[in-house]
Protein backbone atom coordinates (compact mmCIF):
# COMPACT_ATOMS: atom_id res chain seq x y z
CA VAL A 1 0.00 0.00 0.00
CA ARG A 2 1.36 3.42 -0.94
CA VAL A 3 0.68 6.40 1.26
CA VAL A 4 1.10 10.16 1.08
CA VAL A 5 1.93 12.06 4.25
CA ALA A 6 0.02 15.35 4.22
CA TRP A 7 -1.70 17.86 6.45
CA CYS A 8 -5.29 16.96 7.29
CA GLU A 9 -7.53 20.02 7.67
CA LEU A 10 -10.23 17.92 9.39
CA ARG A 11 -7.89 16.44 12.04
CA GLU A 12 -5.54 19.45 12.10
CA GLY A 13 -2.43 17.32 11.93
CA LEU A 14 -0.19 15.25 9.71
CA ARG A 15 -1.86 12.09 8.47
CA ASN A 16 -1.08 9.17 6.20
CA PHE A 17 -3.43 8.92 3.22
CA ARG A 18 -3.67 5.75 1.11
CA THR A 19 -3.17 6.68 -2.53
CA ASP A 20 -5.82 4.20 -3.68
CA ARG A 21 -8.43 6.06 -1.61
CA ILE A 22 -7.60 9.63 -2.64
CA THR A 23 -10.38 10.88 -4.92
CA GLY A 24 -9.25 14.48 -5.29
CA ALA A 25 -6.66 17.01 -4.25
CA VAL A 26 -6.17 20.75 -4.58
CA PRO A 27 -2.58 21.92 -5.00
CA LEU A 28 -1.73 25.07 -3.06
CA ASP A 29 1.07 27.58 -3.33
CA ALA A 30 1.92 27.03 0.35
CA PHE A 31 5.34 25.66 1.25
CA PHE A 32 7.08 24.64 4.46
CA ARG A 33 10.57 25.80 3.59
CA GLY A 34 13.04 25.35 6.41
CA GLU A 35 10.59 23.38 8.54
CA GLY A 36 11.51 19.86 7.42
CA ASP A 37 13.11 18.79 10.70
CA ARG A 38 10.20 20.10 12.79
CA LEU A 39 7.56 18.50 10.56
CA ARG A 40 9.45 15.19 10.41
CA LYS A 41 9.61 15.11 14.23
CA LEU A 42 5.89 15.92 14.46
CA TRP A 43 5.18 13.07 12.03
CA THR A 44 7.39 10.49 13.77
CA ASP A 45 6.17 11.51 17.24
CA GLY A 46 2.69 10.60 16.06
CA TRP A 47 3.80 6.98 15.59
CA THR A 48 4.27 6.44 19.33
CA ASN A 49 1.99 8.99 20.98
CA ARG A 50 -1.32 7.48 19.95
CA PRO A 51 -3.78 6.49 22.66
CA SER A 52 -4.01 2.73 22.99
CA ALA A 53 -7.17 0.96 21.88
CA ALA A 54 -9.59 -0.09 24.58
């Protein structure tokens, strides 16, 4: 399964989106220049900081 890591407006955070489920996208002129390290840390922190399932 291929995924795209992108900002989710609904969840207000970085999310993984399966490419086979993406039905549309709107390209923006927004960039995150110079923020790669911060965004990468935010993304990887999300791997371990999820609440556990009940």
